[in-house]
Protein backbone atom coordinates (compact mmCIF):
# COMPACT_ATOMS: atom_id res chain seq x y z
CA MET A 1 -15.38 31.92 59.80
CA ARG A 2 -14.04 30.91 56.38
CA PRO A 3 -14.72 27.22 55.62
CA ALA A 4 -11.69 24.96 55.25
CA SER A 5 -10.56 24.42 51.70
CA PRO A 6 -11.01 20.98 50.08
CA PHE A 7 -7.19 20.63 50.06
CA ALA A 8 -6.99 21.18 53.82
CA ARG A 9 -9.73 18.62 54.44
CA THR A 10 -7.76 16.03 52.45
CA LEU A 11 -4.82 16.51 54.80
CA VAL A 12 -6.69 16.50 58.10
CA VAL A 13 -8.33 13.10 57.75
CA PRO A 14 -5.20 11.05 56.93
CA LEU A 15 -3.26 12.82 59.68
CA LEU A 16 -6.01 12.04 62.20
CA VAL A 17 -6.11 8.39 61.16
CA CYS A 18 -2.35 7.96 61.35
CA SER A 19 -2.34 9.64 64.77
CA LEU A 20 -4.81 7.02 65.99
CA VAL A 21 -2.64 4.28 64.51
CA GLY A 22 0.48 5.68 66.19
CA ALA A 23 -1.37 5.75 69.51
CA GLY A 24 -2.29 2.10 69.13
CA LEU A 25 -6.02 2.87 68.92
CA LEU A 26 -6.50 1.92 65.30
CA PRO A 27 -4.46 -0.70 63.40
CA LEU A 28 -4.19 0.29 59.77
CA ALA A 29 -1.67 -0.57 57.05
CA GLY A 30 -0.13 2.16 54.93
CA CYS A 31 0.68 4.76 57.62
CA ALA A 32 4.28 5.71 58.26
CA GLN A 33 5.43 4.29 61.59
CA ASP A 34 8.76 3.78 63.33
CA PRO A 35 10.18 0.42 62.22
CA ASP A 36 10.52 -2.38 64.71
CA PRO A 37 14.18 -2.19 65.84
CA SER A 38 14.36 -5.97 65.95
CA SER A 39 13.50 -6.14 62.27
CA THR A 40 16.25 -3.84 60.99
CA ARG A 41 19.08 -5.50 59.08
CA GLY A 42 22.48 -4.28 57.99
CA PRO A 43 23.84 -4.62 54.46
CA ASP A 44 24.36 -8.10 53.05
CA THR A 45 28.13 -8.51 53.32
CA SER A 46 28.03 -11.46 50.95
CA ALA A 47 27.04 -9.19 48.08
CA VAL A 48 29.63 -8.23 45.50
CA GLN A 49 30.89 -4.78 46.35
CA GLY A 50 33.08 -2.32 44.54
CA PRO A 51 36.45 -1.07 45.77
CA ALA A 52 36.58 0.68 49.13
CA PRO A 53 39.36 2.81 50.62
CA ALA A 54 42.38 0.79 51.70
CA THR A 55 41.99 1.99 55.27
CA SER A 56 38.42 0.74 55.63
CA PRO A 57 38.16 -2.78 57.12
CA SER A 58 35.12 -4.72 55.98
CA ILE A 59 32.83 -6.09 58.68
CA VAL A 60 32.64 -9.80 58.00
CA ASP A 61 32.04 -13.11 59.73
CA SER A 62 33.16 -12.69 63.37
CA THR A 63 32.67 -16.37 64.21
CA VAL A 64 36.03 -17.34 62.70
CA ASP A 65 39.27 -16.03 64.18
CA ALA A 66 41.74 -14.59 61.69
CA ASP A 67 45.29 -13.35 62.20
CA VAL A 68 44.62 -10.27 60.08
CA PRO A 69 41.43 -8.22 59.56
CA PHE A 70 40.12 -7.90 56.03
CA VAL A 71 41.10 -4.56 54.52
CA VAL A 72 40.25 -3.84 50.90
CA SER A 73 43.18 -3.10 48.56
CA PRO A 74 42.57 -0.41 45.93
CA GLU A 75 42.48 -1.68 42.35
CA LYS A 76 45.57 0.36 41.43
CA THR A 77 47.50 -1.27 44.27
CA VAL A 78 46.35 -4.72 43.19
CA GLU A 79 47.52 -4.06 39.64
CA GLY A 80 50.77 -2.63 40.99
CA MET A 81 51.45 -5.87 42.88
CA LEU A 82 50.86 -7.97 39.78
CA GLU A 83 52.99 -5.71 37.60
CA LEU A 84 55.80 -5.72 40.16
CA ALA A 85 55.80 -9.53 40.05
CA GLY A 86 55.71 -9.49 36.23
CA VAL A 87 52.68 -11.79 36.14
CA THR A 88 51.95 -13.46 32.78
CA GLU A 89 49.58 -16.14 31.51
CA SER A 90 52.13 -18.80 32.43
CA ASP A 91 51.96 -17.96 36.15
CA THR A 92 50.02 -19.42 39.03
CA VAL A 93 49.32 -16.64 41.52
CA TYR A 94 48.49 -17.51 45.13
CA ASP A 95 47.07 -14.76 47.32
CA LEU A 96 47.52 -15.58 51.01
CA GLY A 97 44.62 -14.04 52.89
CA SER A 98 42.66 -13.40 49.72
CA GLY A 99 39.67 -11.53 51.20
CA ASP A 100 37.12 -10.79 48.50
CA GLY A 101 39.35 -12.33 45.85
CA ARG A 102 40.38 -9.27 43.89
CA VAL A 103 44.06 -10.25 43.47
CA PRO A 104 43.50 -13.74 41.96
CA ILE A 105 40.63 -12.37 39.85
CA ALA A 106 42.76 -9.53 38.50
CA ALA A 107 45.62 -11.95 37.83
CA ALA A 108 43.30 -14.08 35.72
CA LYS A 109 41.32 -11.32 34.03
CA GLN A 110 44.09 -8.83 33.33
CA HIS A 111 47.08 -11.15 32.89
CA GLY A 112 45.62 -14.52 31.88
CA ALA A 113 47.19 -16.26 34.87
CA ARG A 114 45.74 -18.96 37.08
CA GLY A 115 44.70 -17.57 40.46
CA VAL A 116 44.26 -19.26 43.84
CA GLY A 117 43.04 -17.54 46.99
CA ILE A 118 43.57 -18.85 50.51
CA GLU A 119 41.11 -17.36 53.02
CA ILE A 120 39.84 -18.56 56.40
CA LYS A 121 36.60 -16.52 56.50
CA PRO A 122 33.78 -18.50 54.84
CA ASP A 123 31.72 -15.46 53.89
CA LEU A 124 34.72 -13.91 52.14
CA VAL A 125 35.34 -17.14 50.25
CA GLN A 126 31.74 -17.09 49.03
CA ARG A 127 32.00 -13.43 48.07
CA ALA A 128 35.20 -14.09 46.14
CA ARG A 129 33.59 -16.95 44.22
CA LYS A 130 30.68 -14.68 43.26
CA ARG A 131 33.09 -11.99 42.09
CA ALA A 132 35.02 -14.51 39.99
CA LYS A 133 31.81 -15.69 38.36
CA LEU A 134 30.73 -12.14 37.58
CA ALA A 135 34.18 -11.41 36.15
CA GLY A 136 33.97 -14.48 33.92
CA VAL A 137 37.13 -16.13 35.28
CA SER A 138 35.73 -18.98 37.38
CA ASP A 139 37.50 -21.45 35.09
CA ARG A 140 40.91 -19.98 35.98
CA VAL A 141 40.40 -19.00 39.61
CA GLU A 142 39.67 -20.96 42.77
CA PHE A 143 39.23 -19.99 46.41
CA ARG A 144 39.99 -22.32 49.29
CA ARG A 145 38.73 -21.86 52.81
CA GLN A 146 41.87 -22.70 54.74
CA ASP A 147 44.25 -21.54 57.46
CA LEU A 148 47.34 -19.95 55.90
CA PHE A 149 49.64 -21.98 58.09
CA GLU A 150 48.09 -25.24 56.92
CA ALA A 151 48.01 -24.34 53.23
CA ASP A 152 49.95 -25.97 50.42
CA PHE A 153 50.98 -23.32 47.88
CA SER A 154 53.99 -25.19 46.50
CA ASP A 155 52.81 -24.91 42.88
CA ALA A 156 52.80 -21.11 43.00
CA THR A 157 55.07 -19.12 40.73
CA VAL A 158 53.91 -15.87 42.38
CA VAL A 159 52.72 -15.34 45.96
CA THR A 160 51.02 -12.14 47.07
CA MET A 161 50.04 -11.05 50.56
CA TYR A 162 48.66 -8.15 52.54
CA LEU A 163 49.26 -9.28 56.11
CA PHE A 164 50.81 -8.03 59.33
CA PRO A 165 54.63 -8.01 59.82
CA GLU A 166 54.49 -10.78 62.42
CA VAL A 167 52.41 -12.93 60.09
CA ASN A 168 54.90 -12.35 57.26
CA LEU A 169 57.67 -13.58 59.53
CA ARG A 170 55.70 -16.69 60.52
CA LEU A 171 55.09 -17.42 56.85
CA ARG A 172 58.67 -16.82 55.73
CA PRO A 173 59.97 -20.32 56.63
CA MET A 174 56.99 -21.83 54.76
CA LEU A 175 57.80 -19.73 51.70
CA PHE A 176 61.40 -20.99 51.71
CA GLU A 177 60.28 -24.57 52.31
CA GLN A 178 57.47 -24.80 49.76
CA LEU A 179 58.42 -22.50 46.90
CA ASP A 180 60.90 -23.24 44.12
CA PRO A 181 63.84 -20.91 43.53
CA GLY A 182 62.80 -18.08 41.25
CA THR A 183 59.27 -17.81 42.67
CA ARG A 184 58.31 -14.18 43.20
CA VAL A 185 56.80 -12.95 46.46
CA VAL A 186 55.04 -9.58 46.74
CA SER A 187 53.89 -7.99 49.99
CA HIS A 188 51.62 -4.98 50.33
CA SER A 189 52.81 -2.53 53.03
CA PHE A 190 54.96 -4.85 55.17
CA ASP A 191 58.46 -6.24 54.70
CA MET A 192 60.18 -9.44 55.87
CA ASN A 193 62.53 -7.99 58.52
CA GLY A 194 66.03 -8.98 57.41
CA TRP A 195 65.14 -10.43 54.04
CA GLU A 196 66.08 -7.56 51.76
CA PRO A 197 63.61 -7.03 48.90
CA ASP A 198 64.76 -7.11 45.29
CA SER A 199 62.78 -3.94 44.67
CA THR A 200 60.29 -1.60 46.30
CA VAL A 201 57.70 0.62 44.65
CA THR A 202 54.99 2.95 45.86
CA VAL A 203 51.53 3.01 44.30
CA ASP A 204 49.15 5.73 45.48
CA GLY A 205 50.91 5.81 48.83
CA ASP A 206 51.00 2.00 49.28
CA VAL A 207 54.50 0.53 49.55
CA LEU A 208 54.97 -2.78 47.70
CA TYR A 209 57.89 -5.17 48.22
CA LEU A 210 59.22 -7.84 45.83
CA TRP A 211 61.43 -10.80 46.73
CA THR A 212 62.63 -13.80 44.71
CA ILE A 213 63.10 -17.17 46.39
CA PRO A 214 66.88 -17.80 46.26
CA ASP A 215 68.66 -21.02 45.31
CA GLU A 216 70.11 -21.14 48.81
CA ILE A 217 68.54 -19.61 51.90
CA PRO A 218 70.94 -17.14 53.57
CA ALA A 219 72.15 -18.35 56.97
CA HIS A 220 70.67 -15.37 58.81
CA LEU A 221 67.21 -16.21 57.44
CA GLN A 222 67.26 -19.88 58.33
CA GLU A 223 65.02 -20.82 61.24
C-alpha cells in the first residue's frame, strides 16, 4: 500500500480533532462549529444606512405604535418634494413623520433651509440625528420625538409628509389651524380628498402633490 502523502496527513488530523469537538468529546477553540442560535443578532437598525427602495419598510422599534410604517423615500423623490415646494435658505421645512431624517437633512444640505423632523419612533429619531451629524447640518436641523397630532409646527413655511390618506385627512384641520397663508404643503403619494392641489408631479413613479394654505379656508374643507 502506498503511504499517505504529507499533505493528506495534515488534513486528517485537524478533521479528526474537529469531529471530536463537534461530538462534544473534546472542547477546543478554533474549530468551525454551528453558532449558538441564541447568540445571533440582526443588523443594528440604529446605524446610518443608505437609500433603500421606496417599497421596502424598515424594521424598527416595535414598542411604539405609529399610524404609518416607516418606508424609505428615494433621494430623487425627496429632492422632487423640495423642488416642488420651491425650498430656499429662508424656509423652515417640517417633515411630519420624518423617519430617518432624509427630508430635513436634504432641505438643509441642498437648499440651506432650516429643517425639523417630527417622529414618534425613538430609534428613528436617534438615527436621524446621526445622519444629520454625518451630513454636517446638525446646526440647522433638529428632530423631535413627538406624536404628529400633538406637534406644534406653526413656524413652518413648508410642510412635507409621506403618510396614509386617512392620516392626511386627520392632519388637514391642524394644517389650516397652525399654518400661515402661503405656507406650502407637499405630500408624497397621497392627496387630501377634496382639497385640490395647486400642482402634481411624478418623480420616478412617485406622485407628489403641492398645496398652498389659503387666506380663507373653503367651506367644504372646514371641519
